[in-house]
All heavy atoms as atom14 arrays in JSON, in Angstrom:
{
  "sequence": "NPKLLLSLALAVSAGLSGGCANAPPVANAQISEIKMFNPR",
  "atom14_mask": [
    [1, 1, 1, 1, 1, 1, 1, 1, 0, 0, 0, 0, 0, 0],
    [1, 1, 1, 1, 1, 1, 1, 0, 0, 0, 0, 0, 0, 0],
    [1, 1, 1, 1, 1, 1, 1, 1, 1, 0, 0, 0, 0, 0],
    [1, 1, 1, 1, 1, 1, 1, 1, 0, 0, 0, 0, 0, 0],
    [1, 1, 1, 1, 1, 1, 1, 1, 0, 0, 0, 0, 0, 0],
    [1, 1, 1, 1, 1, 1, 1, 1, 0, 0, 0, 0, 0, 0],
    [1, 1, 1, 1, 1, 1, 0, 0, 0, 0, 0, 0, 0, 0],
    [1, 1, 1, 1, 1, 1, 1, 1, 0, 0, 0, 0, 0, 0],
    [1, 1, 1, 1, 1, 0, 0, 0, 0, 0, 0, 0, 0, 0],
    [1, 1, 1, 1, 1, 1, 1, 1, 0, 0, 0, 0, 0, 0],
    [1, 1, 1, 1, 1, 0, 0, 0, 0, 0, 0, 0, 0, 0],
    [1, 1, 1, 1, 1, 1, 1, 0, 0, 0, 0, 0, 0, 0],
    [1, 1, 1, 1, 1, 1, 0, 0, 0, 0, 0, 0, 0, 0],
    [1, 1, 1, 1, 1, 0, 0, 0, 0, 0, 0, 0, 0, 0],
    [1, 1, 1, 1, 0, 0, 0, 0, 0, 0, 0, 0, 0, 0],
    [1, 1, 1, 1, 1, 1, 1, 1, 0, 0, 0, 0, 0, 0],
    [1, 1, 1, 1, 1, 1, 0, 0, 0, 0, 0, 0, 0, 0],
    [1, 1, 1, 1, 0, 0, 0, 0, 0, 0, 0, 0, 0, 0],
    [1, 1, 1, 1, 0, 0, 0, 0, 0, 0, 0, 0, 0, 0],
    [1, 1, 1, 1, 1, 1, 0, 0, 0, 0, 0, 0, 0, 0],
    [1, 1, 1, 1, 1, 0, 0, 0, 0, 0, 0, 0, 0, 0],
    [1, 1, 1, 1, 1, 1, 1, 1, 0, 0, 0, 0, 0, 0],
    [1, 1, 1, 1, 1, 0, 0, 0, 0, 0, 0, 0, 0, 0],
    [1, 1, 1, 1, 1, 1, 1, 0, 0, 0, 0, 0, 0, 0],
    [1, 1, 1, 1, 1, 1, 1, 0, 0, 0, 0, 0, 0, 0],
    [1, 1, 1, 1, 1, 1, 1, 0, 0, 0, 0, 0, 0, 0],
    [1, 1, 1, 1, 1, 0, 0, 0, 0, 0, 0, 0, 0, 0],
    [1, 1, 1, 1, 1, 1, 1, 1, 0, 0, 0, 0, 0, 0],
    [1, 1, 1, 1, 1, 0, 0, 0, 0, 0, 0, 0, 0, 0],
    [1, 1, 1, 1, 1, 1, 1, 1, 1, 0, 0, 0, 0, 0],
    [1, 1, 1, 1, 1, 1, 1, 1, 0, 0, 0, 0, 0, 0],
    [1, 1, 1, 1, 1, 1, 0, 0, 0, 0, 0, 0, 0, 0],
    [1, 1, 1, 1, 1, 1, 1, 1, 1, 0, 0, 0, 0, 0],
    [1, 1, 1, 1, 1, 1, 1, 1, 0, 0, 0, 0, 0, 0],
    [1, 1, 1, 1, 1, 1, 1, 1, 1, 0, 0, 0, 0, 0],
    [1, 1, 1, 1, 1, 1, 1, 1, 0, 0, 0, 0, 0, 0],
    [1, 1, 1, 1, 1, 1, 1, 1, 1, 1, 1, 0, 0, 0],
    [1, 1, 1, 1, 1, 1, 1, 1, 0, 0, 0, 0, 0, 0],
    [1, 1, 1, 1, 1, 1, 1, 0, 0, 0, 0, 0, 0, 0],
    [1, 1, 1, 1, 1, 1, 1, 1, 1, 1, 1, 0, 0, 0]
  ],
  "atom14_positions": [
    [[114.72, 105.98, 107.18], [116.01, 106.14, 106.55], [116.21, 107.56, 106.06], [115.28, 108.34, 105.92], [116.13, 105.17, 105.37], [116.04, 103.76, 105.84], [116.82, 103.35, 106.67], [115.09, 103.0, 105.3], [0.0, 0.0, 0.0], [0.0, 0.0, 0.0], [0.0, 0.0, 0.0], [0.0, 0.0, 0.0], [0.0, 0.0, 0.0], [0.0, 0.0, 0.0]],
    [[117.46, 107.91, 105.72], [117.72, 109.24, 105.15], [116.92, 109.45, 103.87], [116.52, 108.51, 103.19], [119.22, 109.21, 104.89], [119.76, 108.19, 105.84], [118.69, 107.15, 105.95], [0.0, 0.0, 0.0], [0.0, 0.0, 0.0], [0.0, 0.0, 0.0], [0.0, 0.0, 0.0], [0.0, 0.0, 0.0], [0.0, 0.0, 0.0], [0.0, 0.0, 0.0]],
    [[116.75, 110.7, 103.52], [116.01, 111.01, 102.28], [116.7, 110.4, 101.08], [117.92, 110.37, 100.97], [115.93, 112.53, 102.12], [115.05, 113.19, 103.18], [114.96, 114.67, 102.95], [114.08, 115.33, 104.0], [113.99, 116.79, 103.82], [0.0, 0.0, 0.0], [0.0, 0.0, 0.0], [0.0, 0.0, 0.0], [0.0, 0.0, 0.0], [0.0, 0.0, 0.0]],
    [[115.9, 109.9, 100.21], [116.43, 109.19, 99.06], [116.49, 110.15, 97.88], [115.48, 110.62, 97.38], [115.52, 108.0, 98.74], [115.1, 107.19, 99.96], [114.27, 106.01, 99.52], [116.31, 106.75, 100.74], [0.0, 0.0, 0.0], [0.0, 0.0, 0.0], [0.0, 0.0, 0.0], [0.0, 0.0, 0.0], [0.0, 0.0, 0.0], [0.0, 0.0, 0.0]],
    [[117.71, 110.43, 97.47], [117.91, 111.53, 96.54], [118.04, 111.03, 95.1], [119.13, 110.92, 94.55], [119.15, 112.33, 96.96], [119.06, 112.9, 98.38], [120.35, 113.62, 98.73], [117.87, 113.83, 98.48], [0.0, 0.0, 0.0], [0.0, 0.0, 0.0], [0.0, 0.0, 0.0], [0.0, 0.0, 0.0], [0.0, 0.0, 0.0], [0.0, 0.0, 0.0]],
    [[116.93, 110.72, 94.49], [116.88, 110.43, 93.06], [116.13, 111.58, 92.4], [115.36, 112.29, 93.02], [116.16, 109.1, 92.82], [116.78, 107.9, 93.51], [115.92, 106.68, 93.27], [118.19, 107.66, 93.03], [0.0, 0.0, 0.0], [0.0, 0.0, 0.0], [0.0, 0.0, 0.0], [0.0, 0.0, 0.0], [0.0, 0.0, 0.0], [0.0, 0.0, 0.0]],
    [[116.3, 111.76, 91.11], [115.84, 113.03, 90.53], [115.01, 112.89, 89.26], [115.03, 113.77, 88.41], [117.06, 113.91, 90.23], [117.93, 113.25, 89.35], [0.0, 0.0, 0.0], [0.0, 0.0, 0.0], [0.0, 0.0, 0.0], [0.0, 0.0, 0.0], [0.0, 0.0, 0.0], [0.0, 0.0, 0.0], [0.0, 0.0, 0.0], [0.0, 0.0, 0.0]],
    [[114.28, 111.82, 89.07], [113.37, 111.77, 87.93], [112.07, 112.49, 88.28], [111.62, 112.5, 89.4], [113.08, 110.32, 87.55], [114.29, 109.53, 87.04], [113.87, 108.13, 86.68], [114.93, 110.2, 85.86], [0.0, 0.0, 0.0], [0.0, 0.0, 0.0], [0.0, 0.0, 0.0], [0.0, 0.0, 0.0], [0.0, 0.0, 0.0], [0.0, 0.0, 0.0]],
    [[111.42, 113.07, 87.3], [110.23, 113.87, 87.55], [109.07, 112.99, 87.96], [108.96, 111.85, 87.54], [109.86, 114.65, 86.3], [0.0, 0.0, 0.0], [0.0, 0.0, 0.0], [0.0, 0.0, 0.0], [0.0, 0.0, 0.0], [0.0, 0.0, 0.0], [0.0, 0.0, 0.0], [0.0, 0.0, 0.0], [0.0, 0.0, 0.0], [0.0, 0.0, 0.0]],
    [[108.19, 113.54, 88.79], [106.98, 112.84, 89.22], [105.91, 112.95, 88.13], [105.64, 114.03, 87.63], [106.48, 113.44, 90.52], [105.15, 112.91, 91.04], [105.31, 111.44, 91.4], [104.67, 113.72, 92.22], [0.0, 0.0, 0.0], [0.0, 0.0, 0.0], [0.0, 0.0, 0.0], [0.0, 0.0, 0.0], [0.0, 0.0, 0.0], [0.0, 0.0, 0.0]],
    [[105.31, 111.82, 87.78], [104.27, 111.84, 86.76], [103.2, 110.85, 87.15], [103.16, 109.73, 86.66], [104.83, 111.51, 85.39], [0.0, 0.0, 0.0], [0.0, 0.0, 0.0], [0.0, 0.0, 0.0], [0.0, 0.0, 0.0], [0.0, 0.0, 0.0], [0.0, 0.0, 0.0], [0.0, 0.0, 0.0], [0.0, 0.0, 0.0], [0.0, 0.0, 0.0]],
    [[102.32, 111.25, 88.07], [101.29, 110.36, 88.56], [99.93, 110.9, 88.15], [99.54, 111.98, 88.55], [101.36, 110.24, 90.1], [100.23, 109.36, 90.6], [102.69, 109.68, 90.53], [0.0, 0.0, 0.0], [0.0, 0.0, 0.0], [0.0, 0.0, 0.0], [0.0, 0.0, 0.0], [0.0, 0.0, 0.0], [0.0, 0.0, 0.0], [0.0, 0.0, 0.0]],
    [[99.22, 110.18, 87.35], [97.87, 110.59, 86.97], [96.85, 109.51, 87.28], [95.66, 109.75, 87.22], [97.81, 110.94, 85.48], [98.18, 109.81, 84.7], [0.0, 0.0, 0.0], [0.0, 0.0, 0.0], [0.0, 0.0, 0.0], [0.0, 0.0, 0.0], [0.0, 0.0, 0.0], [0.0, 0.0, 0.0], [0.0, 0.0, 0.0], [0.0, 0.0, 0.0]],
    [[97.31, 108.29, 87.61], [96.42, 107.18, 87.94], [97.19, 106.22, 88.8], [98.34, 106.46, 89.15], [95.93, 106.49, 86.66], [0.0, 0.0, 0.0], [0.0, 0.0, 0.0], [0.0, 0.0, 0.0], [0.0, 0.0, 0.0], [0.0, 0.0, 0.0], [0.0, 0.0, 0.0], [0.0, 0.0, 0.0], [0.0, 0.0, 0.0], [0.0, 0.0, 0.0]],
    [[96.55, 105.11, 89.17], [97.24, 104.14, 89.99], [98.46, 103.57, 89.28], [98.42, 103.29, 88.09], [0.0, 0.0, 0.0], [0.0, 0.0, 0.0], [0.0, 0.0, 0.0], [0.0, 0.0, 0.0], [0.0, 0.0, 0.0], [0.0, 0.0, 0.0], [0.0, 0.0, 0.0], [0.0, 0.0, 0.0], [0.0, 0.0, 0.0], [0.0, 0.0, 0.0]],
    [[99.56, 103.39, 90.02], [100.78, 102.83, 89.45], [100.85, 101.36, 89.78], [100.43, 100.92, 90.84], [102.0, 103.55, 90.04], [102.12, 105.05, 89.77], [103.33, 105.6, 90.5], [102.23, 105.31, 88.29], [0.0, 0.0, 0.0], [0.0, 0.0, 0.0], [0.0, 0.0, 0.0], [0.0, 0.0, 0.0], [0.0, 0.0, 0.0], [0.0, 0.0, 0.0]],
    [[101.43, 100.59, 88.88], [101.59, 99.17, 89.15], [102.76, 98.95, 90.07], [103.59, 99.83, 90.27], [101.82, 98.42, 87.83], [103.03, 98.84, 87.23], [0.0, 0.0, 0.0], [0.0, 0.0, 0.0], [0.0, 0.0, 0.0], [0.0, 0.0, 0.0], [0.0, 0.0, 0.0], [0.0, 0.0, 0.0], [0.0, 0.0, 0.0], [0.0, 0.0, 0.0]],
    [[102.85, 97.75, 90.62], [103.97, 97.39, 91.48], [105.14, 96.93, 90.64], [105.46, 97.5, 89.61], [0.0, 0.0, 0.0], [0.0, 0.0, 0.0], [0.0, 0.0, 0.0], [0.0, 0.0, 0.0], [0.0, 0.0, 0.0], [0.0, 0.0, 0.0], [0.0, 0.0, 0.0], [0.0, 0.0, 0.0], [0.0, 0.0, 0.0], [0.0, 0.0, 0.0]],
    [[105.81, 95.85, 91.1], [107.03, 95.39, 90.44], [106.83, 95.14, 88.95], [105.82, 94.62, 88.5], [0.0, 0.0, 0.0], [0.0, 0.0, 0.0], [0.0, 0.0, 0.0], [0.0, 0.0, 0.0], [0.0, 0.0, 0.0], [0.0, 0.0, 0.0], [0.0, 0.0, 0.0], [0.0, 0.0, 0.0], [0.0, 0.0, 0.0], [0.0, 0.0, 0.0]],
    [[107.83, 95.52, 88.18], [107.77, 95.39, 86.73], [108.13, 93.97, 86.32], [109.17, 93.46, 86.68], [108.75, 96.38, 86.12], [108.34, 96.93, 84.47], [0.0, 0.0, 0.0], [0.0, 0.0, 0.0], [0.0, 0.0, 0.0], [0.0, 0.0, 0.0], [0.0, 0.0, 0.0], [0.0, 0.0, 0.0], [0.0, 0.0, 0.0], [0.0, 0.0, 0.0]],
    [[107.27, 93.3, 85.57], [107.47, 91.88, 85.26], [108.74, 91.65, 84.45], [109.37, 90.6, 84.58], [106.26, 91.36, 84.5], [0.0, 0.0, 0.0], [0.0, 0.0, 0.0], [0.0, 0.0, 0.0], [0.0, 0.0, 0.0], [0.0, 0.0, 0.0], [0.0, 0.0, 0.0], [0.0, 0.0, 0.0], [0.0, 0.0, 0.0], [0.0, 0.0, 0.0]],
    [[109.14, 92.61, 83.61], [110.3, 92.43, 82.76], [111.56, 93.03, 83.35], [112.6, 93.09, 82.68], [110.04, 93.04, 81.39], [108.9, 92.34, 80.67], [108.78, 91.12, 80.75], [108.07, 93.11, 79.99], [0.0, 0.0, 0.0], [0.0, 0.0, 0.0], [0.0, 0.0, 0.0], [0.0, 0.0, 0.0], [0.0, 0.0, 0.0], [0.0, 0.0, 0.0]],
    [[111.51, 93.51, 84.6], [112.69, 94.12, 85.21], [113.74, 93.05, 85.47], [113.43, 91.9, 85.75], [112.31, 94.81, 86.51], [0.0, 0.0, 0.0], [0.0, 0.0, 0.0], [0.0, 0.0, 0.0], [0.0, 0.0, 0.0], [0.0, 0.0, 0.0], [0.0, 0.0, 0.0], [0.0, 0.0, 0.0], [0.0, 0.0, 0.0], [0.0, 0.0, 0.0]],
    [[115.03, 93.4, 85.35], [116.09, 92.42, 85.59], [116.17, 92.05, 87.06], [115.67, 92.78, 87.92], [117.36, 93.16, 85.13], [117.01, 94.61, 85.28], [115.55, 94.71, 84.97], [0.0, 0.0, 0.0], [0.0, 0.0, 0.0], [0.0, 0.0, 0.0], [0.0, 0.0, 0.0], [0.0, 0.0, 0.0], [0.0, 0.0, 0.0], [0.0, 0.0, 0.0]],
    [[116.77, 90.9, 87.41], [116.91, 90.53, 88.81], [117.69, 91.58, 89.58], [118.57, 92.26, 89.04], [117.67, 89.19, 88.75], [117.44, 88.69, 87.37], [117.32, 89.9, 86.5], [0.0, 0.0, 0.0], [0.0, 0.0, 0.0], [0.0, 0.0, 0.0], [0.0, 0.0, 0.0], [0.0, 0.0, 0.0], [0.0, 0.0, 0.0], [0.0, 0.0, 0.0]],
    [[117.37, 91.73, 90.87], [118.01, 92.73, 91.72], [119.19, 92.09, 92.44], [119.07, 91.02, 93.03], [117.0, 93.29, 92.74], [117.68, 94.29, 93.66], [115.83, 93.94, 92.02], [0.0, 0.0, 0.0], [0.0, 0.0, 0.0], [0.0, 0.0, 0.0], [0.0, 0.0, 0.0], [0.0, 0.0, 0.0], [0.0, 0.0, 0.0], [0.0, 0.0, 0.0]],
    [[120.34, 92.76, 92.4], [121.53, 92.26, 93.05], [122.05, 93.3, 94.04], [121.75, 94.49, 93.92], [122.61, 91.92, 92.03], [0.0, 0.0, 0.0], [0.0, 0.0, 0.0], [0.0, 0.0, 0.0], [0.0, 0.0, 0.0], [0.0, 0.0, 0.0], [0.0, 0.0, 0.0], [0.0, 0.0, 0.0], [0.0, 0.0, 0.0], [0.0, 0.0, 0.0]],
    [[122.83, 92.85, 95.03], [123.51, 93.74, 95.97], [122.54, 94.62, 96.74], [122.82, 95.79, 97.0], [124.54, 94.6, 95.25], [125.6, 93.79, 94.54], [126.05, 92.77, 95.07], [125.99, 94.22, 93.35], [0.0, 0.0, 0.0], [0.0, 0.0, 0.0], [0.0, 0.0, 0.0], [0.0, 0.0, 0.0], [0.0, 0.0, 0.0], [0.0, 0.0, 0.0]],
    [[121.39, 94.09, 97.11], [120.42, 94.85, 97.9], [120.7, 94.68, 99.39], [121.08, 93.6, 99.84], [119.0, 94.39, 97.57], [0.0, 0.0, 0.0], [0.0, 0.0, 0.0], [0.0, 0.0, 0.0], [0.0, 0.0, 0.0], [0.0, 0.0, 0.0], [0.0, 0.0, 0.0], [0.0, 0.0, 0.0], [0.0, 0.0, 0.0], [0.0, 0.0, 0.0]],
    [[120.49, 95.75, 100.13], [120.64, 95.72, 101.59], [119.38, 96.28, 102.22], [118.96, 97.39, 101.89], [121.85, 96.54, 102.03], [123.18, 96.0, 101.57], [124.33, 96.78, 102.16], [124.13, 97.81, 102.8], [125.53, 96.29, 101.95], [0.0, 0.0, 0.0], [0.0, 0.0, 0.0], [0.0, 0.0, 0.0], [0.0, 0.0, 0.0], [0.0, 0.0, 0.0]],
    [[118.77, 95.54, 103.13], [117.56, 96.01, 103.81], [117.96, 96.96, 104.93], [118.69, 96.6, 105.85], [116.75, 94.82, 104.34], [116.11, 94.09, 103.17], [115.68, 95.29, 105.33], [115.27, 92.89, 103.55], [0.0, 0.0, 0.0], [0.0, 0.0, 0.0], [0.0, 0.0, 0.0], [0.0, 0.0, 0.0], [0.0, 0.0, 0.0], [0.0, 0.0, 0.0]],
    [[117.47, 98.2, 104.84], [117.79, 99.23, 105.82], [116.64, 99.52, 106.78], [116.82, 100.24, 107.76], [118.19, 100.52, 105.1], [117.19, 100.93, 104.2], [0.0, 0.0, 0.0], [0.0, 0.0, 0.0], [0.0, 0.0, 0.0], [0.0, 0.0, 0.0], [0.0, 0.0, 0.0], [0.0, 0.0, 0.0], [0.0, 0.0, 0.0], [0.0, 0.0, 0.0]],
    [[115.45, 98.99, 106.48], [114.29, 99.15, 107.37], [113.36, 97.97, 107.16], [113.12, 97.55, 106.02], [113.56, 100.45, 107.07], [112.33, 100.66, 107.94], [111.54, 101.89, 107.53], [112.07, 102.71, 106.77], [110.38, 102.01, 107.97], [0.0, 0.0, 0.0], [0.0, 0.0, 0.0], [0.0, 0.0, 0.0], [0.0, 0.0, 0.0], [0.0, 0.0, 0.0]],
    [[112.84, 97.42, 108.26], [111.95, 96.26, 108.15], [110.78, 96.44, 109.1], [110.91, 97.03, 110.18], [112.71, 94.95, 108.47], [111.84, 93.73, 108.15], [113.21, 94.92, 109.9], [112.62, 92.41, 108.21], [0.0, 0.0, 0.0], [0.0, 0.0, 0.0], [0.0, 0.0, 0.0], [0.0, 0.0, 0.0], [0.0, 0.0, 0.0], [0.0, 0.0, 0.0]],
    [[109.6, 95.99, 108.68], [108.4, 96.0, 109.52], [107.64, 94.71, 109.26], [107.0, 94.54, 108.23], [107.52, 97.21, 109.21], [106.24, 97.29, 110.05], [106.55, 97.52, 111.53], [105.27, 97.65, 112.35], [104.55, 98.92, 112.05], [0.0, 0.0, 0.0], [0.0, 0.0, 0.0], [0.0, 0.0, 0.0], [0.0, 0.0, 0.0], [0.0, 0.0, 0.0]],
    [[107.75, 93.76, 110.22], [107.06, 92.49, 110.12], [105.8, 92.53, 110.99], [105.84, 93.0, 112.13], [107.97, 91.35, 110.56], [109.24, 91.19, 109.73], [108.92, 90.75, 108.0], [108.19, 89.12, 108.2], [0.0, 0.0, 0.0], [0.0, 0.0, 0.0], [0.0, 0.0, 0.0], [0.0, 0.0, 0.0], [0.0, 0.0, 0.0], [0.0, 0.0, 0.0]],
    [[104.7, 92.04, 110.46], [103.43, 92.05, 111.19], [103.11, 90.7, 111.82], [102.26, 90.61, 112.69], [102.31, 92.5, 110.26], [102.39, 93.95, 109.91], [103.16, 94.38, 108.84], [101.74, 94.9, 110.67], [103.26, 95.72, 108.52], [101.83, 96.25, 110.37], [102.59, 96.66, 109.29], [0.0, 0.0, 0.0], [0.0, 0.0, 0.0], [0.0, 0.0, 0.0]],
    [[103.77, 89.66, 111.36], [103.69, 88.33, 111.95], [104.93, 87.59, 111.44], [105.71, 88.16, 110.67], [102.37, 87.63, 111.57], [102.14, 87.57, 110.07], [102.96, 87.04, 109.32], [101.03, 88.14, 109.61], [0.0, 0.0, 0.0], [0.0, 0.0, 0.0], [0.0, 0.0, 0.0], [0.0, 0.0, 0.0], [0.0, 0.0, 0.0], [0.0, 0.0, 0.0]],
    [[105.17, 86.35, 111.85], [106.4, 85.68, 111.43], [106.56, 85.5, 109.92], [107.67, 85.21, 109.46], [106.31, 84.31, 112.13], [105.5, 84.58, 113.36], [104.46, 85.58, 112.91], [0.0, 0.0, 0.0], [0.0, 0.0, 0.0], [0.0, 0.0, 0.0], [0.0, 0.0, 0.0], [0.0, 0.0, 0.0], [0.0, 0.0, 0.0], [0.0, 0.0, 0.0]],
    [[105.51, 85.72, 109.14], [105.61, 85.49, 107.7], [105.45, 86.77, 106.87], [106.13, 86.93, 105.85], [104.57, 84.46, 107.24], [104.76, 83.08, 107.87], [103.82, 82.06, 107.24], [104.06, 81.91, 105.81], [105.01, 81.13, 105.31], [105.82, 80.45, 106.11], [105.16, 81.02, 104.0], [0.0, 0.0, 0.0], [0.0, 0.0, 0.0], [0.0, 0.0, 0.0]]
  ]
}
């Protein structure tokens, strides 16, 4: 996909966690790239 132009500073000093447990539900999402390795 095209470059994703967000502008918060990078601050990586250790492993980052994945999805945030307290994050609100995601709405109006559109999948622009997919890579399936098997039917599931």
